Amino acid sequence: MSEIILEKNIRLCDLETKFRLQMTEDTDFFPEWRTDLPDINDQEKQLLDKIKRGYLNLVKYPPMLENTVQMTVLAPLLCLADLYLPPFRVRSETSVSFSDSDEEITIEGRIDVLVLKEHLWVVVIESKRAFFSVEAGLAQLLSYMLANPNHGELNFGLITTGGSFVFVKLVADNRPTYTLSKVFELRSPGNDLYSVLSILKQFRNLFSEPHSEPDAEK
């Protein structure tokens, strides 16, 4: 009988042992977060500056919970990236369940935010409370990405605390491999939201190209 593990209890070592997950430091593995990125116009920069000011004001009055992070920072970013518009759509609290090849372990959980194009997963998003480290969501996010039914497609994820952002790319073949972008911080000089939005636009553009669709939706 398969052992059920809730995603909040999953550890990176479990994913490495049971699902053969490995991390790569190959800088060419994840070019999408740093090369040929779309431009951000002046109006978008003004809005991103306002989002940053709003976040920095809110964190003065803790606690800042996950739903506040989603409302204050994540939702405006998805809107500016046009990921609410056709052919894309957004789901929240999407249930997932998947097992290892021997069906000895089953991971169950709920994805905070899932952006889809038809049946394709565009980006999987895990949000955390403002005072968490992005490391707190990495194993959860990777477990969700391993559950992506479209293993042949691009597989991107995002972990955010509202003040920190890190993007993840996973290639789920016989030996699933992943790597991370740099961590973007709202406390850094300037406004790292410019880069975050540009990367989200990059994902939008990649998935705007024709893809072959699977027969059934997850």
C-alpha atoms as a PDB file:
ATOM      1  CA  MET A   1       0.000   0.000   0.000  1.00  0.00           C
ATOM      2  CA  SER A   2       1.345   3.412  -0.971  1.00  0.00           C
ATOM      3  CA  GLU A   3       2.478   5.763   1.813  1.00  0.00           C
ATOM      4  CA  ILE A   4       0.761   9.152   1.506  1.00  0.00           C
ATOM      5  CA  ILE A   5       2.830  12.259   2.258  1.00  0.00           C
ATOM      6  CA  LEU A   6       1.270  15.707   2.321  1.00  0.00           C
ATOM      7  CA  GLU A   7       3.219  18.224   0.237  1.00  0.00           C
ATOM      8  CA  LYS A   8       3.827  20.462   3.264  1.00  0.00           C
ATOM      9  CA  ASN A   9       5.806  17.622   4.832  1.00  0.00           C
ATOM     10  CA  ILE A  10       7.849  16.676   1.767  1.00  0.00           C
ATOM     11  CA  ARG A  11      11.633  17.100   1.905  1.00  0.00           C
ATOM     12  CA  LEU A  12      14.166  17.528  -0.879  1.00  0.00           C
ATOM     13  CA  CYS A  13      15.865  14.332   0.258  1.00  0.00           C
ATOM     14  CA  ASP A  14      12.562  12.443  -0.266  1.00  0.00           C
ATOM     15  CA  LEU A  15      12.294  13.739  -3.825  1.00  0.00           C
ATOM     16  CA  GLU A  16      15.926  12.846  -4.511  1.00  0.00           C
ATOM     17  CA  THR A  17      15.545   9.334  -3.092  1.00  0.00           C
ATOM     18  CA  LYS A  18      12.090   8.345  -4.339  1.00  0.00           C
ATOM     19  CA  PHE A  19      11.855  10.337  -7.578  1.00  0.00           C
ATOM     20  CA  ARG A  20      15.555  10.513  -8.542  1.00  0.00           C
ATOM     21  CA  LEU A  21      15.398  14.304  -8.581  1.00  0.00           C
ATOM     22  CA  GLN A  22      18.707  16.093  -9.089  1.00  0.00           C
ATOM     23  CA  MET A  23      19.864  19.706  -9.242  1.00  0.00           C
ATOM     24  CA  THR A  24      22.171  20.978 -11.970  1.00  0.00           C
ATOM     25  CA  GLU A  25      24.506  23.956 -11.819  1.00  0.00           C
ATOM     26  CA  ASP A  26      24.779  24.096 -15.609  1.00  0.00           C
ATOM     27  CA  THR A  27      24.236  27.781 -16.452  1.00  0.00           C
ATOM     28  CA  ASP A  28      22.873  26.835 -19.885  1.00  0.00           C
ATOM     29  CA  PHE A  29      20.075  24.693 -18.427  1.00  0.00           C
ATOM     30  CA  PHE A  30      17.785  27.657 -17.634  1.00  0.00           C
ATOM     31  CA  PRO A  31      18.459  30.504 -20.097  1.00  0.00           C
ATOM     32  CA  GLU A  32      14.811  31.634 -20.069  1.00  0.00           C
ATOM     33  CA  TRP A  33      15.200  33.746 -16.913  1.00  0.00           C
ATOM     34  CA  ARG A  34      18.135  35.836 -18.151  1.00  0.00           C
ATOM     35  CA  THR A  35      18.410  35.976 -21.963  1.00  0.00           C
ATOM     36  CA  ASP A  36      16.351  37.819 -24.597  1.00  0.00           C
ATOM     37  CA  LEU A  37      13.878  39.072 -21.993  1.00  0.00           C
ATOM     38  CA  PRO A  38      10.962  41.306 -23.053  1.00  0.00           C
ATOM     39  CA  ASP A  39      11.212  45.006 -22.276  1.00  0.00           C
ATOM     40  CA  ILE A  40       9.309  46.739 -19.482  1.00  0.00           C
ATOM     41  CA  ASN A  41       7.803  50.081 -20.454  1.00  0.00           C
ATOM     42  CA  ASP A  42       7.683  53.251 -18.347  1.00  0.00           C
ATOM     43  CA  GLN A  43       4.026  52.814 -17.371  1.00  0.00           C
ATOM     44  CA  GLU A  44       4.707  49.264 -16.158  1.00  0.00           C
ATOM     45  CA  LYS A  45       7.709  50.499 -14.182  1.00  0.00           C
ATOM     46  CA  GLN A  46       5.536  53.093 -12.445  1.00  0.00           C
ATOM     47  CA  LEU A  47       3.018  50.414 -11.474  1.00  0.00           C
ATOM     48  CA  LEU A  48       5.789  48.078 -10.268  1.00  0.00           C
ATOM     49  CA  ASP A  49       7.249  50.896  -8.172  1.00  0.00           C
ATOM     50  CA  LYS A  50       3.826  51.361  -6.576  1.00  0.00           C
ATOM     51  CA  ILE A  51       3.572  47.611  -5.874  1.00  0.00           C
ATOM     52  CA  LYS A  52       6.984  47.704  -4.187  1.00  0.00           C
ATOM     53  CA  ARG A  53       5.998  50.694  -2.038  1.00  0.00           C
ATOM     54  CA  GLY A  54       2.768  48.959  -1.067  1.00  0.00           C
ATOM     55  CA  TYR A  55       4.609  45.793  -0.052  1.00  0.00           C
ATOM     56  CA  LEU A  56       7.174  47.683   2.029  1.00  0.00           C
ATOM     57  CA  ASN A  57       4.366  49.518   3.778  1.00  0.00           C
ATOM     58  CA  LEU A  58       2.453  46.304   4.569  1.00  0.00           C
ATOM     59  CA  VAL A  59       5.427  44.467   6.056  1.00  0.00           C
ATOM     60  CA  LYS A  60       5.611  47.131   8.749  1.00  0.00           C
ATOM     61  CA  TYR A  61       2.418  45.629  10.201  1.00  0.00           C
ATOM     62  CA  PRO A  62       2.866  41.838  10.521  1.00  0.00           C
ATOM     63  CA  PRO A  63       1.622  39.221  10.130  1.00  0.00           C
ATOM     64  CA  MET A  64       1.472  39.330   6.327  1.00  0.00           C
ATOM     65  CA  LEU A  65      -0.150  36.029   5.320  1.00  0.00           C
ATOM     66  CA  GLU A  66      -0.039  34.109   2.037  1.00  0.00           C
ATOM     67  CA  ASN A  67      -3.346  35.489   0.764  1.00  0.00           C
ATOM     68  CA  THR A  68      -2.109  39.024   1.407  1.00  0.00           C
ATOM     69  CA  VAL A  69       1.051  38.262  -0.587  1.00  0.00           C
ATOM     70  CA  GLN A  70      -1.082  36.965  -3.451  1.00  0.00           C
ATOM     71  CA  MET A  71      -3.424  39.968  -3.393  1.00  0.00           C
ATOM     72  CA  THR A  72      -0.785  42.666  -2.965  1.00  0.00           C
ATOM     73  CA  VAL A  73       2.088  41.463  -5.138  1.00  0.00           C
ATOM     74  CA  LEU A  74       1.347  38.319  -7.125  1.00  0.00           C
ATOM     75  CA  ALA A  75      -2.050  39.220  -8.606  1.00  0.00           C
ATOM     76  CA  PRO A  76      -0.858  42.566 -10.066  1.00  0.00           C
ATOM     77  CA  LEU A  77       2.205  40.862 -11.579  1.00  0.00           C
ATOM     78  CA  LEU A  78       0.084  38.223 -13.311  1.00  0.00           C
ATOM     79  CA  CYS A  79      -2.192  40.964 -14.598  1.00  0.00           C
ATOM     80  CA  LEU A  80       0.691  43.031 -15.991  1.00  0.00           C
ATOM     81  CA  ALA A  81       2.138  39.901 -17.627  1.00  0.00           C
ATOM     82  CA  ASP A  82      -1.262  39.338 -19.368  1.00  0.00           C
ATOM     83  CA  LEU A  83      -1.510  35.858 -17.856  1.00  0.00           C
ATOM     84  CA  TYR A  84      -5.168  36.455 -16.998  1.00  0.00           C
ATOM     85  CA  LEU A  85      -6.007  36.969 -20.684  1.00  0.00           C
ATOM     86  CA  PRO A  86      -6.783  34.323 -23.341  1.00  0.00           C
ATOM     87  CA  PRO A  87      -5.339  31.872 -24.163  1.00  0.00           C
ATOM     88  CA  PHE A  88      -4.259  31.701 -20.493  1.00  0.00           C
ATOM     89  CA  ARG A  89      -6.240  31.212 -17.329  1.00  0.00           C
ATOM     90  CA  VAL A  90      -5.446  31.013 -13.625  1.00  0.00           C
ATOM     91  CA  ARG A  91      -6.535  28.479 -11.023  1.00  0.00           C
ATOM     92  CA  SER A  92      -6.004  28.616  -7.281  1.00  0.00           C
ATOM     93  CA  GLU A  93      -5.837  25.774  -4.768  1.00  0.00           C
ATOM     94  CA  THR A  94      -5.498  23.100  -7.479  1.00  0.00           C
ATOM     95  CA  SER A  95      -5.324  19.576  -6.029  1.00  0.00           C
ATOM     96  CA  VAL A  96      -2.519  17.290  -7.232  1.00  0.00           C
ATOM     97  CA  SER A  97      -1.502  13.734  -6.451  1.00  0.00           C
ATOM     98  CA  PHE A  98       1.315  11.632  -7.908  1.00  0.00           C
ATOM     99  CA  SER A  99       3.303   8.517  -7.047  1.00  0.00           C
ATOM    100  CA  ASP A 100       6.821   7.228  -7.580  1.00  0.00           C
ATOM    101  CA  SER A 101       7.438   4.552 -10.210  1.00  0.00           C
ATOM    102  CA  ASP A 102       7.079   1.743  -7.666  1.00  0.00           C
ATOM    103  CA  GLU A 103       3.949   3.325  -6.165  1.00  0.00           C
ATOM    104  CA  GLU A 104       5.501   3.126  -2.713  1.00  0.00           C
ATOM    105  CA  ILE A 105       4.929   6.787  -1.964  1.00  0.00           C
ATOM    106  CA  THR A 106       2.165   9.193  -3.012  1.00  0.00           C
ATOM    107  CA  ILE A 107       2.429  12.954  -2.584  1.00  0.00           C
ATOM    108  CA  GLU A 108      -0.778  14.949  -2.246  1.00  0.00           C
ATOM    109  CA  GLY A 109      -1.268  18.690  -2.017  1.00  0.00           C
ATOM    110  CA  ARG A 110      -2.735  21.892  -3.415  1.00  0.00           C
ATOM    111  CA  ILE A 111      -0.971  24.291  -5.764  1.00  0.00           C
ATOM    112  CA  ASP A 112      -1.427  27.886  -4.605  1.00  0.00           C
ATOM    113  CA  VAL A 113      -1.648  29.339  -8.127  1.00  0.00           C
ATOM    114  CA  LEU A 114      -1.515  27.490 -11.444  1.00  0.00           C
ATOM    115  CA  VAL A 115      -1.395  29.325 -14.783  1.00  0.00           C
ATOM    116  CA  LEU A 116      -2.626  27.223 -17.688  1.00  0.00           C
ATOM    117  CA  LYS A 117      -2.946  27.421 -21.441  1.00  0.00           C
ATOM    118  CA  GLU A 118      -5.628  24.922 -22.376  1.00  0.00           C
ATOM    119  CA  HIS A 119      -4.240  21.698 -20.858  1.00  0.00           C
ATOM    120  CA  LEU A 120      -0.658  22.938 -20.521  1.00  0.00           C
ATOM    121  CA  TRP A 121       0.823  24.092 -17.232  1.00  0.00           C
ATOM    122  CA  VAL A 122       2.499  27.436 -17.926  1.00  0.00           C
ATOM    123  CA  VAL A 123       3.832  28.233 -14.468  1.00  0.00           C
ATOM    124  CA  VAL A 124       3.287  26.742 -11.004  1.00  0.00           C
ATOM    125  CA  ILE A 125       3.407  29.268  -8.161  1.00  0.00           C
ATOM    126  CA  GLU A 126       3.976  28.663  -4.462  1.00  0.00           C
ATOM    127  CA  SER A 127       3.489  31.654  -2.174  1.00  0.00           C
ATOM    128  CA  LYS A 128       4.702  31.890   1.407  1.00  0.00           C
ATOM    129  CA  ARG A 129       4.264  34.308   4.276  1.00  0.00           C
ATOM    130  CA  ALA A 130       6.374  37.430   4.016  1.00  0.00           C
ATOM    131  CA  PHE A 131       8.852  36.399   6.700  1.00  0.00           C
ATOM    132  CA  PHE A 132       9.533  32.902   5.331  1.00  0.00           C
ATOM    133  CA  SER A 133      12.602  32.018   3.271  1.00  0.00           C
ATOM    134  CA  VAL A 134      11.987  30.964  -0.327  1.00  0.00           C
ATOM    135  CA  GLU A 135      13.771  27.741   0.670  1.00  0.00           C
ATOM    136  CA  ALA A 136      10.670  26.889   2.703  1.00  0.00           C
ATOM    137  CA  GLY A 137       8.678  26.380  -0.494  1.00  0.00           C
ATOM    138  CA  LEU A 138      11.243  24.697  -2.739  1.00  0.00           C
ATOM    139  CA  ALA A 139      10.445  21.050  -1.983  1.00  0.00           C
ATOM    140  CA  GLN A 140       6.718  21.772  -2.216  1.00  0.00           C
ATOM    141  CA  LEU A 141       7.064  23.509  -5.561  1.00  0.00           C
ATOM    142  CA  LEU A 142       9.258  20.781  -7.027  1.00  0.00           C
ATOM    143  CA  SER A 143       6.794  18.113  -5.921  1.00  0.00           C
ATOM    144  CA  TYR A 144       4.025  19.989  -7.764  1.00  0.00           C
ATOM    145  CA  MET A 145       6.186  20.355 -10.868  1.00  0.00           C
ATOM    146  CA  LEU A 146       6.907  16.617 -10.830  1.00  0.00           C
ATOM    147  CA  ALA A 147       3.130  16.105 -10.888  1.00  0.00           C
ATOM    148  CA  ASN A 148       2.825  18.019 -14.174  1.00  0.00           C
ATOM    149  CA  PRO A 149       1.118  15.565 -16.571  1.00  0.00           C
ATOM    150  CA  ASN A 150       2.805  17.185 -19.593  1.00  0.00           C
ATOM    151  CA  HIS A 151       6.355  15.968 -19.004  1.00  0.00           C
ATOM    152  CA  GLY A 152       7.430  16.790 -22.540  1.00  0.00           C
ATOM    153  CA  GLU A 153       6.617  20.466 -22.146  1.00  0.00           C
ATOM    154  CA  LEU A 154       8.469  23.374 -20.570  1.00  0.00           C
ATOM    155  CA  ASN A 155       8.065  23.210 -16.806  1.00  0.00           C
ATOM    156  CA  PHE A 156       8.494  26.436 -14.860  1.00  0.00           C
ATOM    157  CA  GLY A 157       7.763  27.420 -11.289  1.00  0.00           C
ATOM    158  CA  LEU A 158       7.918  30.467  -9.034  1.00  0.00           C
ATOM    159  CA  ILE A 159       8.315  30.733  -5.274  1.00  0.00           C
ATOM    160  CA  THR A 160       7.482  34.085  -3.712  1.00  0.00           C
ATOM    161  CA  THR A 161       7.187  35.514  -0.237  1.00  0.00           C
ATOM    162  CA  GLY A 162       6.086  38.839  -1.704  1.00  0.00           C
ATOM    163  CA  GLY A 163       9.502  40.318  -0.958  1.00  0.00           C
ATOM    164  CA  SER A 164      11.591  37.520  -2.507  1.00  0.00           C
ATOM    165  CA  PHE A 165      11.158  35.692  -5.807  1.00  0.00           C
ATOM    166  CA  VAL A 166      12.985  32.717  -7.304  1.00  0.00           C
ATOM    167  CA  PHE A 167      12.131  30.946 -10.551  1.00  0.00           C
ATOM    168  CA  VAL A 168      12.581  27.208 -11.087  1.00  0.00           C
ATOM    169  CA  LYS A 169      12.922  25.117 -14.232  1.00  0.00           C
ATOM    170  CA  LEU A 170      12.477  21.354 -14.162  1.00  0.00           C
ATOM    171  CA  VAL A 171      12.934  18.798 -16.924  1.00  0.00           C
ATOM    172  CA  ALA A 172      11.069  15.666 -15.847  1.00  0.00           C
ATOM    173  CA  ASP A 173      12.578  12.808 -17.818  1.00  0.00           C
ATOM    174  CA  ASN A 174      13.996   9.517 -16.503  1.00  0.00           C
ATOM    175  CA  ARG A 175      16.202  11.535 -14.147  1.00  0.00           C
ATOM    176  CA  PRO A 176      14.263  14.731 -13.310  1.00  0.00           C
ATOM    177  CA  THR A 177      16.615  17.723 -13.232  1.00  0.00           C
ATOM    178  CA  TYR A 178      16.057  21.237 -11.969  1.00  0.00           C
ATOM    179  CA  THR A 179      17.826  24.502 -11.325  1.00  0.00           C
ATOM    180  CA  LEU A 180      16.993  27.952  -9.965  1.00  0.00           C
ATOM    181  CA  SER A 181      17.286  31.536 -11.089  1.00  0.00           C
ATOM    182  CA  LYS A 182      18.900  34.133  -8.865  1.00  0.00           C
ATOM    183  CA  VAL A 183      16.754  35.338  -5.970  1.00  0.00           C
ATOM    184  CA  PHE A 184      15.078  38.681  -6.683  1.00  0.00           C
ATOM    185  CA  GLU A 185      14.623  40.829  -3.562  1.00  0.00           C
ATOM    186  CA  LEU A 186      12.415  43.882  -3.066  1.00  0.00           C
ATOM    187  CA  ARG A 187      14.881  45.113  -0.450  1.00  0.00           C
ATOM    188  CA  SER A 188      17.590  45.322  -3.115  1.00  0.00           C
ATOM    189  CA  PRO A 189      18.440  48.751  -4.609  1.00  0.00           C
ATOM    190  CA  GLY A 190      16.248  49.640  -7.565  1.00  0.00           C
ATOM    191  CA  ASN A 191      13.240  47.443  -8.203  1.00  0.00           C
ATOM    192  CA  ASP A 192      13.726  43.722  -8.867  1.00  0.00           C
ATOM    193  CA  LEU A 193      10.057  43.500  -9.848  1.00  0.00           C
ATOM    194  CA  TYR A 194      11.127  44.807 -13.257  1.00  0.00           C
ATOM    195  CA  SER A 195      13.054  41.563 -13.790  1.00  0.00           C
ATOM    196  CA  VAL A 196      10.298  39.402 -12.280  1.00  0.00           C
ATOM    197  CA  LEU A 197       7.704  40.838 -14.655  1.00  0.00           C
ATOM    198  CA  SER A 198      10.034  40.490 -17.622  1.00  0.00           C
ATOM    199  CA  ILE A 199      10.550  36.791 -16.849  1.00  0.00           C
ATOM    200  CA  LEU A 200       6.803  36.205 -16.502  1.00  0.00           C
ATOM    201  CA  LYS A 201       6.357  37.881 -19.899  1.00  0.00           C
ATOM    202  CA  GLN A 202       9.031  35.557 -21.263  1.00  0.00           C
ATOM    203  CA  PHE A 203       7.039  32.535 -20.077  1.00  0.00           C
ATOM    204  CA  ARG A 204       3.888  34.013 -21.635  1.00  0.00           C
ATOM    205  CA  ASN A 205       5.652  34.438 -24.958  1.00  0.00           C
ATOM    206  CA  LEU A 206       7.097  30.922 -24.891  1.00  0.00           C
ATOM    207  CA  PHE A 207       3.665  29.408 -24.341  1.00  0.00           C
ATOM    208  CA  SER A 208       2.006  31.665 -26.882  1.00  0.00           C
ATOM    209  CA  GLU A 209       3.737  29.590 -29.543  1.00  0.00           C
ATOM    210  CA  PRO A 210       1.850  26.542 -30.889  1.00  0.00           C
ATOM    211  CA  HIS A 211       2.061  23.394 -28.753  1.00  0.00           C
ATOM    212  CA  SER A 212       0.652  19.929 -29.212  1.00  0.00           C
ATOM    213  CA  GLU A 213      -2.105  19.403 -26.662  1.00  0.00           C
ATOM    214  CA  PRO A 214      -2.770  16.238 -24.647  1.00  0.00           C
ATOM    215  CA  ASP A 215      -6.203  14.649 -24.827  1.00  0.00           C
ATOM    216  CA  ALA A 216      -7.353  15.075 -21.249  1.00  0.00           C
ATOM    217  CA  GLU A 217      -7.015  17.886 -18.745  1.00  0.00           C
ATOM    218  CA  LYS A 218      -5.481  17.239 -15.366  1.00  0.00           C
END
